[in-house]
Protein backbone atom coordinates (compact mmCIF):
# COMPACT_ATOMS: atom_id res chain seq x y z
CA GLY A 1 163.79 121.49 99.53
CA GLY A 2 166.55 121.77 102.08
CA ARG A 3 165.70 125.24 103.37
CA MET A 4 162.09 124.21 104.02
CA LEU A 5 163.17 121.13 105.96
CA ASP A 6 165.66 123.23 107.94
CA VAL A 7 163.12 125.87 109.00
CA ALA A 8 160.56 123.15 109.81
CA ARG A 9 163.11 121.33 111.99
CA ARG A 10 163.86 124.56 113.83
CA PHE A 11 160.12 125.18 114.39
CA PHE A 12 159.76 121.77 116.02
CA ASP A 13 162.86 122.48 118.14
CA LEU A 14 161.16 125.55 119.66
CA PRO A 15 159.95 125.27 123.27
CA PHE A 16 156.54 123.62 123.55
CA GLN A 17 154.92 126.84 124.83
CA GLU A 18 155.94 128.61 121.62
CA ARG A 19 154.59 125.83 119.38
CA ALA A 20 151.42 125.46 121.48
CA ARG A 21 150.26 128.94 120.42
CA TYR A 22 149.27 127.32 117.13
CA MET A 23 147.34 124.35 118.53
CA SER A 24 143.77 124.12 117.28
CA ALA A 25 141.05 121.50 117.15
CA ASP A 26 139.68 123.18 114.00
CA ILE A 27 140.91 121.11 111.05
CA ARG A 28 140.16 124.09 108.77
CA ALA A 29 142.35 126.54 110.70
CA PRO A 30 144.90 128.31 108.44
CA VAL A 31 147.67 127.34 110.89
CA ARG A 32 147.41 124.20 112.97
CA TYR A 33 150.02 122.54 115.17
CA GLY A 34 149.33 119.27 116.92
CA THR A 35 150.35 115.72 117.55
CA SER A 36 148.92 112.34 116.70
CA PHE A 37 150.07 111.03 120.10
CA ASN A 38 147.36 110.49 122.71
CA GLN A 39 148.72 109.21 126.01
CA LEU A 40 145.32 107.93 127.12
CA ASN A 41 144.43 105.99 123.97
CA ASP A 42 147.65 105.00 122.23
CA GLY A 43 149.18 101.72 123.27
CA VAL A 44 152.67 102.67 122.11
CA LEU A 45 154.86 105.64 122.93
CA CYS A 46 155.21 106.78 119.35
CA TRP A 47 153.89 110.00 117.91
CA ARG A 48 154.02 112.44 115.02
CA ASP A 49 153.93 116.20 115.50
CA PHE A 50 152.59 118.23 112.61
CA LEU A 51 152.35 121.82 111.44
CA LYS A 52 149.75 122.63 108.79
CA LEU A 53 150.05 125.93 106.95
CA VAL A 54 147.38 126.91 104.43
CA CYS A 55 149.23 128.04 101.33
CA CYS A 56 146.92 127.41 98.37
CA ASP A 57 144.61 130.41 98.82
CA ASP A 58 145.72 134.05 98.68
CA LEU A 59 149.23 133.54 100.04
CA ALA A 60 149.73 137.20 100.96
CA ALA A 61 146.59 137.01 103.12
CA VAL A 62 147.52 133.85 105.05
CA VAL A 63 151.27 134.26 105.59
CA PRO A 64 150.78 136.84 108.39
CA SER A 65 148.97 134.14 110.40
CA TRP A 66 151.91 131.73 110.04
CA PRO A 67 154.27 131.31 113.03
CA ASP A 68 156.65 134.22 113.57
CA ALA A 69 159.40 131.89 114.78
CA PRO A 70 161.78 130.79 113.50
CA THR A 71 162.07 134.30 112.12
CA ASP A 72 162.75 133.08 108.57
CA LEU A 73 159.72 130.75 108.38
CA ARG A 74 157.74 133.41 106.48
CA TYR A 75 160.77 134.73 104.59
CA GLY A 76 160.68 134.46 100.83
CA THR A 77 157.04 133.36 100.60
CA VAL A 78 155.54 136.67 99.50
CA ARG A 79 157.28 139.02 97.14
């Protein structure tokens, strides 16, 4: 709930260079950051940034690939 939304908000508040480390064109990547905004093709200045984290497989195996900032993004996911 609220804690997830808070950490997600803080991820998107990070500097672009930090978020860009997770950009990938591979839709099957375990971590993928991107935007739906395309300045060349979109007729309106409206966009949606996204962060996809694989979490349905072996969670302990994928969490280390998740972003390391904010520092509590991974916290509490693997016991």
